[in-house]
């Protein structure tokens, strides 16, 4: 009732608000995925993007947002400044475990699976493709040699991987194997050739070395 009255006051002359509220469409709107707030928060932002993509906003409870950020940004840089080293593998594992427990307790119906190193093989393990196409995958990709970054993979077909990179940049130049996408803000902003993405070489937007690979599969 309070929500209804608030919208009626704001848009008194717009009957569209009443139609939206009656249908519940306000809550089912697909929200554009988010970009990072800093140079270091790709992991927590990507976790939250996973739930924006999979569910409507009523499923993303405040405690999920709070705990994702609480565990994140636990690493320090060389100067000892906390958070500027990003988010550790242990923290990502803690987030995954907490989300599984929370989903089970609240009967939310999603599960998270954490894979590392040799387990993250998109070519040999067909189950990864199937899981992602039914849900999403949070994984790390190489940005430059030795530097990796979390993204949200939402779809894979026989030729391409579709993902959302939470790092906003104006330097968007398509390459032979990498395409920037502008018209899918609630789904993905990159389309990359599968053979490029799955490469063991440390090159831009590749999974890179096996020992550096991490993947969290989230299914509903």
C-alpha atoms as a PDB file:
ATOM      1  CA  UNK A   1       0.000   0.000   0.000  1.00  0.00           C
ATOM      2  CA  UNK A   2       2.815   2.389   0.846  1.00  0.00           C
ATOM      3  CA  UNK A   3       4.542   1.714  -2.460  1.00  0.00           C
ATOM      4  CA  UNK A   4       1.301   2.260  -4.370  1.00  0.00           C
ATOM      5  CA  UNK A   5       0.640   5.581  -2.661  1.00  0.00           C
ATOM      6  CA  UNK A   6       4.209   6.794  -3.217  1.00  0.00           C
ATOM      7  CA  UNK A   7       4.076   6.177  -6.954  1.00  0.00           C
ATOM      8  CA  UNK A   8       0.601   7.698  -7.202  1.00  0.00           C
ATOM      9  CA  UNK A   9       1.807  10.904  -5.611  1.00  0.00           C
ATOM     10  CA  UNK A  10       4.900  11.119  -7.799  1.00  0.00           C
ATOM     11  CA  UNK A  11       3.015  10.418 -11.017  1.00  0.00           C
ATOM     12  CA  UNK A  12      -0.496  11.582 -10.090  1.00  0.00           C
ATOM     13  CA  UNK A  13      -1.380  12.497 -13.658  1.00  0.00           C
ATOM     14  CA  UNK A  14       0.058   9.328 -15.161  1.00  0.00           C
ATOM     15  CA  UNK A  15      -2.323   6.367 -15.032  1.00  0.00           C
ATOM     16  CA  UNK A  16       0.541   4.244 -16.394  1.00  0.00           C
ATOM     17  CA  UNK A  17       1.829   3.868 -12.814  1.00  0.00           C
ATOM     18  CA  UNK A  18      -1.346   2.112 -11.702  1.00  0.00           C
ATOM     19  CA  UNK A  19      -1.152  -0.270 -14.669  1.00  0.00           C
ATOM     20  CA  UNK A  20       2.493  -1.057 -13.905  1.00  0.00           C
ATOM     21  CA  UNK A  21       1.788  -1.711 -10.244  1.00  0.00           C
ATOM     22  CA  UNK A  22      -1.257  -3.877 -10.946  1.00  0.00           C
ATOM     23  CA  UNK A  23       0.756  -6.092 -13.297  1.00  0.00           C
ATOM     24  CA  UNK A  24       3.811  -6.129 -11.066  1.00  0.00           C
ATOM     25  CA  UNK A  25       5.893  -5.101 -14.080  1.00  0.00           C
ATOM     26  CA  UNK A  26       7.835  -2.552 -12.016  1.00  0.00           C
ATOM     27  CA  UNK A  27       9.530  -5.375 -10.135  1.00  0.00           C
ATOM     28  CA  UNK A  28      10.082  -7.640 -13.152  1.00  0.00           C
ATOM     29  CA  UNK A  29      11.941  -5.071 -15.227  1.00  0.00           C
ATOM     30  CA  UNK A  30      15.335  -6.264 -16.435  1.00  0.00           C
ATOM     31  CA  UNK A  31      17.853  -3.883 -14.890  1.00  0.00           C
ATOM     32  CA  UNK A  32      21.015  -2.947 -16.852  1.00  0.00           C
ATOM     33  CA  UNK A  33      24.053  -4.674 -15.438  1.00  0.00           C
ATOM     34  CA  UNK A  34      26.447  -2.604 -13.345  1.00  0.00           C
ATOM     35  CA  UNK A  35      29.947  -1.310 -13.902  1.00  0.00           C
ATOM     36  CA  UNK A  36      32.705  -1.130 -11.312  1.00  0.00           C
ATOM     37  CA  UNK A  37      32.805   1.706  -8.823  1.00  0.00           C
ATOM     38  CA  UNK A  38      36.617   1.507  -8.585  1.00  0.00           C
ATOM     39  CA  UNK A  39      39.634  -0.155 -10.171  1.00  0.00           C
ATOM     40  CA  UNK A  40      39.398  -3.090  -7.759  1.00  0.00           C
ATOM     41  CA  UNK A  41      35.794  -4.310  -7.285  1.00  0.00           C
ATOM     42  CA  UNK A  42      35.267  -6.481 -10.378  1.00  0.00           C
ATOM     43  CA  UNK A  43      34.575  -9.585  -8.240  1.00  0.00           C
ATOM     44  CA  UNK A  44      31.716  -8.286  -6.042  1.00  0.00           C
ATOM     45  CA  UNK A  45      30.154  -6.297  -8.889  1.00  0.00           C
ATOM     46  CA  UNK A  46      30.178  -9.398 -11.103  1.00  0.00           C
ATOM     47  CA  UNK A  47      28.527 -11.496  -8.386  1.00  0.00           C
ATOM     48  CA  UNK A  48      25.751  -8.904  -8.107  1.00  0.00           C
ATOM     49  CA  UNK A  49      25.426  -8.756 -11.894  1.00  0.00           C
ATOM     50  CA  UNK A  50      24.864 -12.514 -11.903  1.00  0.00           C
ATOM     51  CA  UNK A  51      21.738 -12.070  -9.808  1.00  0.00           C
ATOM     52  CA  UNK A  52      20.563  -9.042 -11.792  1.00  0.00           C
ATOM     53  CA  UNK A  53      20.795 -11.207 -14.896  1.00  0.00           C
ATOM     54  CA  UNK A  54      19.191 -14.360 -13.480  1.00  0.00           C
ATOM     55  CA  UNK A  55      16.392 -12.914 -11.362  1.00  0.00           C
ATOM     56  CA  UNK A  56      14.195  -9.867 -10.980  1.00  0.00           C
ATOM     57  CA  UNK A  57      15.220  -7.415  -8.273  1.00  0.00           C
ATOM     58  CA  UNK A  58      12.903  -8.917  -5.643  1.00  0.00           C
ATOM     59  CA  UNK A  59      15.226 -11.941  -5.446  1.00  0.00           C
ATOM     60  CA  UNK A  60      18.323  -9.885  -4.629  1.00  0.00           C
ATOM     61  CA  UNK A  61      17.967  -9.392  -0.894  1.00  0.00           C
ATOM     62  CA  UNK A  62      19.926  -6.764   1.090  1.00  0.00           C
ATOM     63  CA  UNK A  63      21.816  -9.439   3.020  1.00  0.00           C
ATOM     64  CA  UNK A  64      23.165 -10.861  -0.269  1.00  0.00           C
ATOM     65  CA  UNK A  65      24.561  -7.473  -1.280  1.00  0.00           C
ATOM     66  CA  UNK A  66      25.974  -6.900   2.200  1.00  0.00           C
ATOM     67  CA  UNK A  67      27.725 -10.259   2.473  1.00  0.00           C
ATOM     68  CA  UNK A  68      29.132 -10.236  -1.065  1.00  0.00           C
ATOM     69  CA  UNK A  69      30.882  -6.938  -0.351  1.00  0.00           C
ATOM     70  CA  UNK A  70      31.773  -7.930   3.206  1.00  0.00           C
ATOM     71  CA  UNK A  71      33.899 -10.837   1.996  1.00  0.00           C
ATOM     72  CA  UNK A  72      35.332  -8.962  -1.008  1.00  0.00           C
ATOM     73  CA  UNK A  73      38.260  -6.552  -1.417  1.00  0.00           C
ATOM     74  CA  UNK A  74      40.300  -8.355   1.229  1.00  0.00           C
ATOM     75  CA  UNK A  75      43.707  -8.024  -0.439  1.00  0.00           C
ATOM     76  CA  UNK A  76      46.190  -5.189   0.062  1.00  0.00           C
ATOM     77  CA  UNK A  77      48.501  -3.648  -2.499  1.00  0.00           C
ATOM     78  CA  UNK A  78      52.280  -3.318  -2.074  1.00  0.00           C
ATOM     79  CA  UNK A  79      51.762  -0.231   0.084  1.00  0.00           C
ATOM     80  CA  UNK A  80      49.507  -2.142   2.453  1.00  0.00           C
ATOM     81  CA  UNK A  81      46.311  -0.362   1.438  1.00  0.00           C
ATOM     82  CA  UNK A  82      43.443  -2.784   2.031  1.00  0.00           C
ATOM     83  CA  UNK A  83      41.186  -3.495  -0.922  1.00  0.00           C
ATOM     84  CA  UNK A  84      43.612  -2.250  -3.547  1.00  0.00           C
ATOM     85  CA  UNK A  85      44.782  -5.792  -4.170  1.00  0.00           C
ATOM     86  CA  UNK A  86      41.281  -6.840  -5.172  1.00  0.00           C
ATOM     87  CA  UNK A  87      39.514  -9.982  -3.972  1.00  0.00           C
ATOM     88  CA  UNK A  88      41.304 -13.215  -3.062  1.00  0.00           C
ATOM     89  CA  UNK A  89      40.433 -16.726  -4.214  1.00  0.00           C
ATOM     90  CA  UNK A  90      39.623 -17.627  -0.603  1.00  0.00           C
ATOM     91  CA  UNK A  91      37.164 -14.727  -0.420  1.00  0.00           C
ATOM     92  CA  UNK A  92      35.469 -15.810  -3.657  1.00  0.00           C
ATOM     93  CA  UNK A  93      35.155 -19.327  -2.247  1.00  0.00           C
ATOM     94  CA  UNK A  94      33.639 -17.896   0.965  1.00  0.00           C
ATOM     95  CA  UNK A  95      31.112 -15.901  -1.056  1.00  0.00           C
ATOM     96  CA  UNK A  96      30.190 -19.029  -3.024  1.00  0.00           C
ATOM     97  CA  UNK A  97      29.729 -21.106   0.151  1.00  0.00           C
ATOM     98  CA  UNK A  98      27.691 -18.371   1.842  1.00  0.00           C
ATOM     99  CA  UNK A  99      25.401 -18.004  -1.185  1.00  0.00           C
ATOM    100  CA  UNK A 100      24.766 -21.758  -1.299  1.00  0.00           C
ATOM    101  CA  UNK A 101      23.851 -21.831   2.397  1.00  0.00           C
ATOM    102  CA  UNK A 102      21.683 -18.733   2.063  1.00  0.00           C
ATOM    103  CA  UNK A 103      19.865 -20.111  -0.991  1.00  0.00           C
ATOM    104  CA  UNK A 104      19.166 -23.376   0.813  1.00  0.00           C
ATOM    105  CA  UNK A 105      17.954 -21.674   4.006  1.00  0.00           C
ATOM    106  CA  UNK A 106      15.719 -19.207   2.146  1.00  0.00           C
ATOM    107  CA  UNK A 107      14.626 -21.750  -0.500  1.00  0.00           C
ATOM    108  CA  UNK A 108      15.723 -19.414  -3.298  1.00  0.00           C
ATOM    109  CA  UNK A 109      16.459 -22.280  -5.666  1.00  0.00           C
ATOM    110  CA  UNK A 110      19.927 -21.401  -6.982  1.00  0.00           C
ATOM    111  CA  UNK A 111      23.230 -23.234  -6.518  1.00  0.00           C
ATOM    112  CA  UNK A 112      26.861 -22.142  -6.948  1.00  0.00           C
ATOM    113  CA  UNK A 113      29.698 -24.437  -8.038  1.00  0.00           C
ATOM    114  CA  UNK A 114      33.321 -23.347  -7.692  1.00  0.00           C
ATOM    115  CA  UNK A 115      35.868 -24.701 -10.204  1.00  0.00           C
ATOM    116  CA  UNK A 116      39.594 -24.032 -10.482  1.00  0.00           C
ATOM    117  CA  UNK A 117      42.573 -24.656 -12.741  1.00  0.00           C
ATOM    118  CA  UNK A 118      42.245 -27.827 -14.881  1.00  0.00           C
ATOM    119  CA  UNK A 119      38.522 -28.042 -14.102  1.00  0.00           C
ATOM    120  CA  UNK A 120      37.969 -24.809 -16.066  1.00  0.00           C
ATOM    121  CA  UNK A 121      38.197 -26.263 -19.557  1.00  0.00           C
ATOM    122  CA  UNK A 122      35.415 -24.980 -21.813  1.00  0.00           C
ATOM    123  CA  UNK A 123      36.431 -27.304 -24.649  1.00  0.00           C
ATOM    124  CA  UNK A 124      36.796 -30.661 -22.898  1.00  0.00           C
ATOM    125  CA  UNK A 125      34.071 -30.124 -20.306  1.00  0.00           C
ATOM    126  CA  UNK A 126      30.771 -29.789 -22.178  1.00  0.00           C
ATOM    127  CA  UNK A 127      28.938 -29.505 -18.861  1.00  0.00           C
ATOM    128  CA  UNK A 128      30.377 -25.997 -18.407  1.00  0.00           C
ATOM    129  CA  UNK A 129      28.701 -24.790 -21.597  1.00  0.00           C
ATOM    130  CA  UNK A 130      25.401 -26.440 -20.613  1.00  0.00           C
ATOM    131  CA  UNK A 131      25.486 -24.973 -17.109  1.00  0.00           C
ATOM    132  CA  UNK A 132      26.211 -21.472 -18.361  1.00  0.00           C
ATOM    133  CA  UNK A 133      23.472 -21.579 -20.982  1.00  0.00           C
ATOM    134  CA  UNK A 134      21.007 -22.491 -18.221  1.00  0.00           C
ATOM    135  CA  UNK A 135      22.459 -19.981 -15.767  1.00  0.00           C
ATOM    136  CA  UNK A 136      25.665 -17.905 -15.724  1.00  0.00           C
ATOM    137  CA  UNK A 137      29.391 -18.266 -15.136  1.00  0.00           C
ATOM    138  CA  UNK A 138      31.624 -15.885 -13.197  1.00  0.00           C
ATOM    139  CA  UNK A 139      35.165 -16.313 -14.444  1.00  0.00           C
ATOM    140  CA  UNK A 140      38.493 -14.555 -14.728  1.00  0.00           C
ATOM    141  CA  UNK A 141      40.029 -13.523 -18.035  1.00  0.00           C
ATOM    142  CA  UNK A 142      43.456 -12.181 -18.843  1.00  0.00           C
ATOM    143  CA  UNK A 143      43.707  -8.419 -19.380  1.00  0.00           C
ATOM    144  CA  UNK A 144      47.467  -8.188 -19.754  1.00  0.00           C
ATOM    145  CA  UNK A 145      50.224 -10.673 -18.986  1.00  0.00           C
ATOM    146  CA  UNK A 146      49.879 -11.735 -15.337  1.00  0.00           C
ATOM    147  CA  UNK A 147      46.745  -9.626 -14.718  1.00  0.00           C
ATOM    148  CA  UNK A 148      43.297 -11.230 -14.517  1.00  0.00           C
ATOM    149  CA  UNK A 149      39.826  -9.763 -14.152  1.00  0.00           C
ATOM    150  CA  UNK A 150      36.306 -11.050 -13.288  1.00  0.00           C
ATOM    151  CA  UNK A 151      33.558 -11.042 -15.931  1.00  0.00           C
ATOM    152  CA  UNK A 152      30.064 -12.548 -16.232  1.00  0.00           C
ATOM    153  CA  UNK A 153      29.564 -15.151 -18.989  1.00  0.00           C
ATOM    154  CA  UNK A 154      25.884 -15.433 -19.937  1.00  0.00           C
ATOM    155  CA  UNK A 155      25.879 -17.512 -23.125  1.00  0.00           C
ATOM    156  CA  UNK A 156      28.073 -19.759 -25.273  1.00  0.00           C
ATOM    157  CA  UNK A 157      27.371 -21.065 -28.762  1.00  0.00           C
ATOM    158  CA  UNK A 158      29.534 -23.011 -31.198  1.00  0.00           C
ATOM    159  CA  UNK A 159      31.469 -19.909 -32.262  1.00  0.00           C
ATOM    160  CA  UNK A 160      31.208 -17.221 -29.583  1.00  0.00           C
ATOM    161  CA  UNK A 161      31.222 -16.467 -25.862  1.00  0.00           C
ATOM    162  CA  UNK A 162      28.913 -13.662 -24.691  1.00  0.00           C
ATOM    163  CA  UNK A 163      29.847 -11.857 -21.491  1.00  0.00           C
ATOM    164  CA  UNK A 164      29.543  -8.646 -19.504  1.00  0.00           C
ATOM    165  CA  UNK A 165      32.788  -6.892 -18.595  1.00  0.00           C
ATOM    166  CA  UNK A 166      32.119  -4.610 -15.587  1.00  0.00           C
ATOM    167  CA  UNK A 167      35.093  -2.356 -16.358  1.00  0.00           C
ATOM    168  CA  UNK A 168      33.764   0.666 -18.243  1.00  0.00           C
ATOM    169  CA  UNK A 169      35.981   2.161 -20.900  1.00  0.00           C
ATOM    170  CA  UNK A 170      35.604   4.561 -23.820  1.00  0.00           C
ATOM    171  CA  UNK A 171      38.344   2.745 -25.728  1.00  0.00           C
ATOM    172  CA  UNK A 172      36.103   0.324 -27.598  1.00  0.00           C
ATOM    173  CA  UNK A 173      37.577  -0.834 -30.858  1.00  0.00           C
ATOM    174  CA  UNK A 174      36.383  -4.095 -32.383  1.00  0.00           C
ATOM    175  CA  UNK A 175      39.059  -6.602 -33.302  1.00  0.00           C
ATOM    176  CA  UNK A 176      38.876  -9.711 -35.467  1.00  0.00           C
ATOM    177  CA  UNK A 177      38.027 -11.889 -32.464  1.00  0.00           C
ATOM    178  CA  UNK A 178      36.491  -9.340 -30.059  1.00  0.00           C
ATOM    179  CA  UNK A 179      33.271  -7.401 -30.601  1.00  0.00           C
ATOM    180  CA  UNK A 180      31.885  -4.634 -28.373  1.00  0.00           C
ATOM    181  CA  UNK A 181      28.097  -4.812 -27.951  1.00  0.00           C
ATOM    182  CA  UNK A 182      26.044  -1.704 -27.157  1.00  0.00           C
ATOM    183  CA  UNK A 183      22.390  -2.749 -27.362  1.00  0.00           C
ATOM    184  CA  UNK A 184      22.220  -5.483 -24.663  1.00  0.00           C
ATOM    185  CA  UNK A 185      22.833  -3.562 -21.371  1.00  0.00           C
ATOM    186  CA  UNK A 186      20.915  -6.094 -19.262  1.00  0.00           C
ATOM    187  CA  UNK A 187      22.703  -9.094 -20.820  1.00  0.00           C
ATOM    188  CA  UNK A 188      26.208  -8.668 -22.244  1.00  0.00           C
ATOM    189  CA  UNK A 189      28.581  -6.074 -23.701  1.00  0.00           C
ATOM    190  CA  UNK A 190      31.186  -8.319 -25.351  1.00  0.00           C
ATOM    191  CA  UNK A 191      31.106 -11.117 -27.936  1.00  0.00           C
ATOM    192  CA  UNK A 192      34.391 -12.982 -28.301  1.00  0.00           C
ATOM    193  CA  UNK A 193      35.371 -15.880 -30.552  1.00  0.00           C
ATOM    194  CA  UNK A 194      35.327 -19.138 -28.600  1.00  0.00           C
ATOM    195  CA  UNK A 195      38.783 -20.259 -29.701  1.00  0.00           C
ATOM    196  CA  UNK A 196      40.246 -16.886 -28.676  1.00  0.00           C
ATOM    197  CA  UNK A 197      38.471 -16.936 -25.305  1.00  0.00           C
ATOM    198  CA  UNK A 198      39.569 -20.483 -24.432  1.00  0.00           C
ATOM    199  CA  UNK A 199      43.213 -19.924 -25.360  1.00  0.00           C
ATOM    200  CA  UNK A 200      45.946 -20.869 -22.882  1.00  0.00           C
ATOM    201  CA  UNK A 201      47.948 -17.847 -23.990  1.00  0.00           C
ATOM    202  CA  UNK A 202      47.853 -14.754 -21.793  1.00  0.00           C
ATOM    203  CA  UNK A 203      46.160 -12.372 -24.195  1.00  0.00           C
ATOM    204  CA  UNK A 204      43.303  -9.880 -23.876  1.00  0.00           C
ATOM    205  CA  UNK A 205      40.012 -11.646 -22.977  1.00  0.00           C
ATOM    206  CA  UNK A 206      41.441 -15.162 -22.926  1.00  0.00           C
ATOM    207  CA  UNK A 207      41.073 -17.601 -20.011  1.00  0.00           C
ATOM    208  CA  UNK A 208      44.855 -17.878 -20.026  1.00  0.00           C
ATOM    209  CA  UNK A 209      46.981 -20.251 -18.013  1.00  0.00           C
ATOM    210  CA  UNK A 210      45.291 -23.241 -16.383  1.00  0.00           C
ATOM    211  CA  UNK A 211      46.826 -22.497 -12.989  1.00  0.00           C
ATOM    212  CA  UNK A 212      45.189 -19.040 -12.998  1.00  0.00           C
ATOM    213  CA  UNK A 213      41.682 -20.131 -13.987  1.00  0.00           C
ATOM    214  CA  UNK A 214      38.631 -19.747 -11.735  1.00  0.00           C
ATOM    215  CA  UNK A 215      34.960 -20.279 -12.535  1.00  0.00           C
ATOM    216  CA  UNK A 216      31.796 -20.033 -10.440  1.00  0.00           C
ATOM    217  CA  UNK A 217      28.725 -21.584 -12.078  1.00  0.00           C
ATOM    218  CA  UNK A 218      25.388 -20.255 -10.825  1.00  0.00           C
ATOM    219  CA  UNK A 219      22.199 -22.082 -11.812  1.00  0.00           C
ATOM    220  CA  UNK A 220      18.578 -21.649 -10.881  1.00  0.00           C
END
